[in-house]
Every structure is written in C-alpha cells, then in structure tokens.
Amino acid sequence: MKFIATLDALEKKVTQISLLNEDILLKLDTESIEHEILTTDAYMLEIDFKLRTLRTVRSEKEGRPHIFKCN
C-alpha cells in the first residue's frame, strides 16, 4: 500500500513540476536559458522512464496488465 501511495505522490509531483516549468518559461527569455531547458527536459524524461517502470511493477503486483499513461 505504501508503494502505491508513494507512486501516486511522485506522479502528482511530476505534474506539478511540469506545470511550474511551463509557467516559468512563459515569464523568461528562453533563448538565454537554453541549457537549463535541455537539462530539465532530460531530467523529466529520466523521471518519466522511472515512473513507467514503477507503474509496471504496481500493475504486476495488482495482477493486471499495464497500459502506459502518457504525462
């Protein structure tokens, strides 16, 4: 049960971070922060891969097939 709660919390945090990133980018000159944008994109991709793995583990524990959810 803790595993599922932790996974749900992580998924919510990823959504919050994505929304904050979008808000920040709207307020900044994106040309001057290109490196930061690329770094953030790489980090978010890594987090997404890990979440997909955890979702698969959760589905296997629950005994149901997993369908990947796109963020």
PDB file of N, CA and C in Angstrom:
ATOM      1  N   MET A   1       0.814  -1.182   0.000  1.00  0.00           N
ATOM      2  CA  MET A   1       0.000   0.000   0.000  1.00  0.00           C
ATOM      3  C   MET A   1       0.867   1.259   0.000  1.00  0.00           C
ATOM      4  N   LYS A   2       1.977   1.241   0.765  1.00  0.00           N
ATOM      5  CA  LYS A   2       2.881   2.391   0.777  1.00  0.00           C
ATOM      6  C   LYS A   2       3.457   2.640  -0.610  1.00  0.00           C
ATOM      7  N   PHE A   3       3.744   1.555  -1.314  1.00  0.00           N
ATOM      8  CA  PHE A   3       4.306   1.672  -2.661  1.00  0.00           C
ATOM      9  C   PHE A   3       3.367   2.451  -3.566  1.00  0.00           C
ATOM     10  N   ILE A   4       2.087   2.102  -3.542  1.00  0.00           N
ATOM     11  CA  ILE A   4       1.097   2.758  -4.396  1.00  0.00           C
ATOM     12  C   ILE A   4       0.954   4.224  -4.004  1.00  0.00           C
ATOM     13  N   ALA A   5       0.918   4.511  -2.707  1.00  0.00           N
ATOM     14  CA  ALA A   5       0.803   5.894  -2.242  1.00  0.00           C
ATOM     15  C   ALA A   5       2.018   6.712  -2.663  1.00  0.00           C
ATOM     16  N   THR A   6       3.200   6.121  -2.569  1.00  0.00           N
ATOM     17  CA  THR A   6       4.417   6.814  -2.980  1.00  0.00           C
ATOM     18  C   THR A   6       4.418   7.070  -4.473  1.00  0.00           C
ATOM     19  N   LEU A   7       4.021   6.088  -5.254  1.00  0.00           N
ATOM     20  CA  LEU A   7       3.957   6.255  -6.704  1.00  0.00           C
ATOM     21  C   LEU A   7       2.965   7.350  -7.073  1.00  0.00           C
ATOM     22  N   ASP A   8       1.798   7.352  -6.447  1.00  0.00           N
ATOM     23  CA  ASP A   8       0.803   8.392  -6.715  1.00  0.00           C
ATOM     24  C   ASP A   8       1.346   9.775  -6.372  1.00  0.00           C
ATOM     25  N   ALA A   9       2.044   9.888  -5.250  1.00  0.00           N
ATOM     26  CA  ALA A   9       2.624  11.172  -4.844  1.00  0.00           C
ATOM     27  C   ALA A   9       3.678  11.635  -5.846  1.00  0.00           C
ATOM     28  N   LEU A  10       4.505  10.702  -6.321  1.00  0.00           N
ATOM     29  CA  LEU A  10       5.523  11.050  -7.316  1.00  0.00           C
ATOM     30  C   LEU A  10       4.891  11.521  -8.618  1.00  0.00           C
ATOM     31  N   GLU A  11       3.827  10.852  -9.039  1.00  0.00           N
ATOM     32  CA  GLU A  11       3.145  11.252 -10.269  1.00  0.00           C
ATOM     33  C   GLU A  11       2.571  12.661 -10.137  1.00  0.00           C
ATOM     34  N   LYS A  12       2.013  12.987  -8.978  1.00  0.00           N
ATOM     35  CA  LYS A  12       1.481  14.336  -8.748  1.00  0.00           C
ATOM     36  C   LYS A  12       2.599  15.371  -8.770  1.00  0.00           C
ATOM     37  N   LYS A  13       3.739  15.048  -8.166  1.00  0.00           N
ATOM     38  CA  LYS A  13       4.878  15.969  -8.153  1.00  0.00           C
ATOM     39  C   LYS A  13       5.388  16.228  -9.562  1.00  0.00           C
ATOM     40  N   VAL A  14       5.468  15.195 -10.378  1.00  0.00           N
ATOM     41  CA  VAL A  14       5.925  15.366 -11.759  1.00  0.00           C
ATOM     42  C   VAL A  14       4.981  16.300 -12.505  1.00  0.00           C
ATOM     43  N   THR A  15       3.692  16.137 -12.298  1.00  0.00           N
ATOM     44  CA  THR A  15       2.713  17.024 -12.931  1.00  0.00           C
ATOM     45  C   THR A  15       2.899  18.455 -12.448  1.00  0.00           C
ATOM     46  N   GLN A  16       3.095  18.637 -11.143  1.00  0.00           N
ATOM     47  CA  GLN A  16       3.301  19.975 -10.594  1.00  0.00           C
ATOM     48  C   GLN A  16       4.564  20.617 -11.164  1.00  0.00           C
ATOM     49  N   ILE A  17       5.639  19.848 -11.253  1.00  0.00           N
ATOM     50  CA  ILE A  17       6.891  20.374 -11.788  1.00  0.00           C
ATOM     51  C   ILE A  17       6.717  20.779 -13.244  1.00  0.00           C
ATOM     52  N   SER A  18       6.028  19.971 -14.008  1.00  0.00           N
ATOM     53  CA  SER A  18       5.794  20.300 -15.416  1.00  0.00           C
ATOM     54  C   SER A  18       5.012  21.603 -15.552  1.00  0.00           C
ATOM     55  N   LEU A  19       3.981  21.766 -14.741  1.00  0.00           N
ATOM     56  CA  LEU A  19       3.185  22.994 -14.787  1.00  0.00           C
ATOM     57  C   LEU A  19       4.004  24.208 -14.360  1.00  0.00           C
ATOM     58  N   LEU A  20       4.826  24.047 -13.329  1.00  0.00           N
ATOM     59  CA  LEU A  20       5.690  25.143 -12.894  1.00  0.00           C
ATOM     60  C   LEU A  20       6.712  25.505 -13.965  1.00  0.00           C
ATOM     61  N   ASN A  21       7.286  24.496 -14.610  1.00  0.00           N
ATOM     62  CA  ASN A  21       8.248  24.753 -15.687  1.00  0.00           C
ATOM     63  C   ASN A  21       7.608  25.555 -16.805  1.00  0.00           C
ATOM     64  N   GLU A  22       6.399  25.185 -17.192  1.00  0.00           N
ATOM     65  CA  GLU A  22       5.696  25.918 -18.245  1.00  0.00           C
ATOM     66  C   GLU A  22       5.460  27.364 -17.829  1.00  0.00           C
ATOM     67  N   ASP A  23       5.044  27.568 -16.589  1.00  0.00           N
ATOM     68  CA  ASP A  23       4.791  28.916 -16.079  1.00  0.00           C
ATOM     69  C   ASP A  23       6.073  29.750 -16.071  1.00  0.00           C
ATOM     70  N   ILE A  24       7.164  29.154 -15.628  1.00  0.00           N
ATOM     71  CA  ILE A  24       8.451  29.852 -15.592  1.00  0.00           C
ATOM     72  C   ILE A  24       8.902  30.219 -16.999  1.00  0.00           C
ATOM     73  N   LEU A  25       8.783  29.285 -17.927  1.00  0.00           N
ATOM     74  CA  LEU A  25       9.217  29.540 -19.298  1.00  0.00           C
ATOM     75  C   LEU A  25       8.425  30.666 -19.949  1.00  0.00           C
ATOM     76  N   LEU A  26       7.159  30.788 -19.605  1.00  0.00           N
ATOM     77  CA  LEU A  26       6.345  31.870 -20.154  1.00  0.00           C
ATOM     78  C   LEU A  26       6.822  33.237 -19.669  1.00  0.00           C
ATOM     79  N   LYS A  27       7.483  33.258 -18.521  1.00  0.00           N
ATOM     80  CA  LYS A  27       7.914  34.518 -17.919  1.00  0.00           C
ATOM     81  C   LYS A  27       9.373  34.859 -18.204  1.00  0.00           C
ATOM     82  N   LEU A  28      10.095  33.976 -18.853  1.00  0.00           N
ATOM     83  CA  LEU A  28      11.527  34.183 -19.083  1.00  0.00           C
ATOM     84  C   LEU A  28      11.854  34.248 -20.563  1.00  0.00           C
ATOM     85  N   ASP A  29      13.015  34.793 -20.835  1.00  0.00           N
ATOM     86  CA  ASP A  29      13.562  34.800 -22.187  1.00  0.00           C
ATOM     87  C   ASP A  29      14.209  33.438 -22.409  1.00  0.00           C
ATOM     88  N   THR A  30      13.549  32.582 -23.175  1.00  0.00           N
ATOM     89  CA  THR A  30      14.007  31.199 -23.321  1.00  0.00           C
ATOM     90  C   THR A  30      15.334  31.068 -24.056  1.00  0.00           C
ATOM     91  N   GLU A  31      15.690  32.043 -24.880  1.00  0.00           N
ATOM     92  CA  GLU A  31      16.962  31.947 -25.596  1.00  0.00           C
ATOM     93  C   GLU A  31      18.147  31.970 -24.641  1.00  0.00           C
ATOM     94  N   SER A  32      18.023  32.703 -23.552  1.00  0.00           N
ATOM     95  CA  SER A  32      19.147  32.829 -22.630  1.00  0.00           C
ATOM     96  C   SER A  32      19.263  31.652 -21.663  1.00  0.00           C
ATOM     97  N   ILE A  33      18.277  30.780 -21.644  1.00  0.00           N
ATOM     98  CA  ILE A  33      18.314  29.656 -20.707  1.00  0.00           C
ATOM     99  C   ILE A  33      18.195  28.314 -21.423  1.00  0.00           C
ATOM    100  N   GLU A  34      18.680  28.262 -22.632  1.00  0.00           N
ATOM    101  CA  GLU A  34      18.556  27.039 -23.436  1.00  0.00           C
ATOM    102  C   GLU A  34      19.144  25.820 -22.729  1.00  0.00           C
ATOM    103  N   HIS A  35      20.318  25.971 -22.131  1.00  0.00           N
ATOM    104  CA  HIS A  35      20.967  24.850 -21.442  1.00  0.00           C
ATOM    105  C   HIS A  35      20.092  24.333 -20.299  1.00  0.00           C
ATOM    106  N   GLU A  36      19.530  25.246 -19.511  1.00  0.00           N
ATOM    107  CA  GLU A  36      18.678  24.851 -18.396  1.00  0.00           C
ATOM    108  C   GLU A  36      17.436  24.109 -18.882  1.00  0.00           C
ATOM    109  N   ILE A  37      16.887  24.563 -20.000  1.00  0.00           N
ATOM    110  CA  ILE A  37      15.709  23.905 -20.568  1.00  0.00           C
ATOM    111  C   ILE A  37      16.052  22.477 -20.984  1.00  0.00           C
ATOM    112  N   LEU A  38      17.184  22.306 -21.655  1.00  0.00           N
ATOM    113  CA  LEU A  38      17.596  20.970 -22.093  1.00  0.00           C
ATOM    114  C   LEU A  38      17.874  20.055 -20.904  1.00  0.00           C
ATOM    115  N   THR A  39      18.504  20.607 -19.874  1.00  0.00           N
ATOM    116  CA  THR A  39      18.786  19.826 -18.674  1.00  0.00           C
ATOM    117  C   THR A  39      17.489  19.389 -17.996  1.00  0.00           C
ATOM    118  N   THR A  40      16.545  20.304 -17.894  1.00  0.00           N
ATOM    119  CA  THR A  40      15.255  19.988 -17.283  1.00  0.00           C
ATOM    120  C   THR A  40      14.509  18.944 -18.100  1.00  0.00           C
ATOM    121  N   ASP A  41      14.530  19.082 -19.417  1.00  0.00           N
ATOM    122  CA  ASP A  41      13.867  18.099 -20.276  1.00  0.00           C
ATOM    123  C   ASP A  41      14.466  16.707 -20.088  1.00  0.00           C
ATOM    124  N   ALA A  42      15.794  16.634 -20.006  1.00  0.00           N
ATOM    125  CA  ALA A  42      16.458  15.342 -19.807  1.00  0.00           C
ATOM    126  C   ALA A  42      16.073  14.746 -18.452  1.00  0.00           C
ATOM    127  N   TYR A  43      16.028  15.586 -17.429  1.00  0.00           N
ATOM    128  CA  TYR A  43      15.646  15.131 -16.088  1.00  0.00           C
ATOM    129  C   TYR A  43      14.207  14.613 -16.084  1.00  0.00           C
ATOM    130  N   MET A  44      13.305  15.346 -16.702  1.00  0.00           N
ATOM    131  CA  MET A  44      11.901  14.937 -16.739  1.00  0.00           C
ATOM    132  C   MET A  44      11.734  13.629 -17.517  1.00  0.00           C
ATOM    133  N   LEU A  45      12.519  13.447 -18.571  1.00  0.00           N
ATOM    134  CA  LEU A  45      12.464  12.202 -19.333  1.00  0.00           C
ATOM    135  C   LEU A  45      12.926  11.026 -18.475  1.00  0.00           C
ATOM    136  N   GLU A  46      14.003  11.241 -17.718  1.00  0.00           N
ATOM    137  CA  GLU A  46      14.503  10.193 -16.829  1.00  0.00           C
ATOM    138  C   GLU A  46      13.458   9.836 -15.767  1.00  0.00           C
ATOM    139  N   ILE A  47      12.823  10.849 -15.194  1.00  0.00           N
ATOM    140  CA  ILE A  47      11.774  10.614 -14.204  1.00  0.00           C
ATOM    141  C   ILE A  47      10.614   9.844 -14.830  1.00  0.00           C
ATOM    142  N   ASP A  48      10.237  10.219 -16.058  1.00  0.00           N
ATOM    143  CA  ASP A  48       9.141   9.539 -16.742  1.00  0.00           C
ATOM    144  C   ASP A  48       9.456   8.061 -16.955  1.00  0.00           C
ATOM    145  N   PHE A  49      10.683   7.747 -17.368  1.00  0.00           N
ATOM    146  CA  PHE A  49      11.083   6.344 -17.548  1.00  0.00           C
ATOM    147  C   PHE A  49      10.960   5.576 -16.229  1.00  0.00           C
ATOM    148  N   LYS A  50      11.422   6.185 -15.154  1.00  0.00           N
ATOM    149  CA  LYS A  50      11.366   5.521 -13.849  1.00  0.00           C
ATOM    150  C   LYS A  50       9.923   5.320 -13.395  1.00  0.00           C
ATOM    151  N   LEU A  51       9.079   6.324 -13.624  1.00  0.00           N
ATOM    152  CA  LEU A  51       7.672   6.184 -13.253  1.00  0.00           C
ATOM    153  C   LEU A  51       6.993   5.082 -14.053  1.00  0.00           C
ATOM    154  N   ARG A  52       7.328   4.971 -15.326  1.00  0.00           N
ATOM    155  CA  ARG A  52       6.748   3.904 -16.146  1.00  0.00           C
ATOM    156  C   ARG A  52       7.141   2.533 -15.597  1.00  0.00           C
ATOM    157  N   THR A  53       8.383   2.407 -15.171  1.00  0.00           N
ATOM    158  CA  THR A  53       8.842   1.151 -14.575  1.00  0.00           C
ATOM    159  C   THR A  53       8.065   0.856 -13.300  1.00  0.00           C
ATOM    160  N   LEU A  54       7.902   1.878 -12.458  1.00  0.00           N
ATOM    161  CA  LEU A  54       7.164   1.690 -11.210  1.00  0.00           C
ATOM    162  C   LEU A  54       5.697   1.364 -11.463  1.00  0.00           C
ATOM    163  N   ARG A  55       5.102   1.985 -12.481  1.00  0.00           N
ATOM    164  CA  ARG A  55       3.710   1.675 -12.822  1.00  0.00           C
ATOM    165  C   ARG A  55       3.577   0.215 -13.257  1.00  0.00           C
ATOM    166  N   THR A  56       4.567  -0.267 -14.007  1.00  0.00           N
ATOM    167  CA  THR A  56       4.553  -1.662 -14.443  1.00  0.00           C
ATOM    168  C   THR A  56       4.639  -2.594 -13.240  1.00  0.00           C
ATOM    169  N   VAL A  57       5.525  -2.273 -12.306  1.00  0.00           N
ATOM    170  CA  VAL A  57       5.653  -3.080 -11.087  1.00  0.00           C
ATOM    171  C   VAL A  57       4.335  -3.070 -10.319  1.00  0.00           C
ATOM    172  N   ARG A  58       3.725  -1.891 -10.194  1.00  0.00           N
ATOM    173  CA  ARG A  58       2.442  -1.798  -9.484  1.00  0.00           C
ATOM    174  C   ARG A  58       1.388  -2.674 -10.159  1.00  0.00           C
ATOM    175  N   SER A  59       1.317  -2.598 -11.484  1.00  0.00           N
ATOM    176  CA  SER A  59       0.328  -3.396 -12.216  1.00  0.00           C
ATOM    177  C   SER A  59       0.555  -4.888 -12.017  1.00  0.00           C
ATOM    178  N   GLU A  60       1.823  -5.291 -12.035  1.00  0.00           N
ATOM    179  CA  GLU A  60       2.136  -6.702 -11.825  1.00  0.00           C
ATOM    180  C   GLU A  60       1.737  -7.145 -10.420  1.00  0.00           C
ATOM    181  N   LYS A  61       1.964  -6.275  -9.429  1.00  0.00           N
ATOM    182  CA  LYS A  61       1.580  -6.604  -8.052  1.00  0.00           C
ATOM    183  C   LYS A  61       0.067  -6.715  -7.919  1.00  0.00           C
ATOM    184  N   GLU A  62      -0.641  -5.897  -8.696  1.00  0.00           N
ATOM    185  CA  GLU A  62      -2.101  -5.916  -8.642  1.00  0.00           C
ATOM    186  C   GLU A  62      -2.686  -6.996  -9.544  1.00  0.00           C
ATOM    187  N   GLY A  63      -1.830  -7.663 -10.316  1.00  0.00           N
ATOM    188  CA  GLY A  63      -2.271  -8.757 -11.166  1.00  0.00           C
ATOM    189  C   GLY A  63      -3.067  -8.324 -12.377  1.00  0.00           C
ATOM    190  N   ARG A  64      -2.737  -7.154 -12.915  1.00  0.00           N
ATOM    191  CA  ARG A  64      -3.440  -6.688 -14.114  1.00  0.00           C
ATOM    192  C   ARG A  64      -2.420  -6.179 -15.126  1.00  0.00           C
ATOM    193  N   PRO A  65      -2.756  -6.264 -16.400  1.00  0.00           N
ATOM    194  CA  PRO A  65      -1.832  -5.753 -17.417  1.00  0.00           C
ATOM    195  C   PRO A  65      -1.726  -4.238 -17.308  1.00  0.00           C
ATOM    196  N   HIS A  66      -0.572  -3.724 -17.674  1.00  0.00           N
ATOM    197  CA  HIS A  66      -0.343  -2.283 -17.567  1.00  0.00           C
ATOM    198  C   HIS A  66      -0.418  -1.620 -18.930  1.00  0.00           C
ATOM    199  N   ILE A  67      -1.129  -0.526 -18.985  1.00  0.00           N
ATOM    200  CA  ILE A  67      -1.167   0.312 -20.182  1.00  0.00           C
ATOM    201  C   ILE A  67      -0.464   1.603 -19.819  1.00  0.00           C
ATOM    202  N   PHE A  68       0.572   1.968 -20.587  1.00  0.00           N
ATOM    203  CA  PHE A  68       1.334   3.166 -20.274  1.00  0.00           C
ATOM    204  C   PHE A  68       0.485   4.408 -20.417  1.00  0.00           C
ATOM    205  N   LYS A  69       0.553   5.257 -19.410  1.00  0.00           N
ATOM    206  CA  LYS A  69      -0.151   6.529 -19.411  1.00  0.00           C
ATOM    207  C   LYS A  69       0.852   7.610 -19.775  1.00  0.00           C
ATOM    208  N   CYS A  70       0.556   8.403 -20.779  1.00  0.00           N
ATOM    209  CA  CYS A  70       1.435   9.500 -21.163  1.00  0.00           C
ATOM    210  C   CYS A  70       1.164  10.689 -20.272  1.00  0.00           C
ATOM    211  N   ASN A  71       2.238  11.333 -19.819  1.00  0.00           N
ATOM    212  CA  ASN A  71       2.093  12.538 -18.989  1.00  0.00           C
ATOM    213  C   ASN A  71       1.947  13.754 -19.839  1.00  0.00           C
TER     214      ASN A  71
END
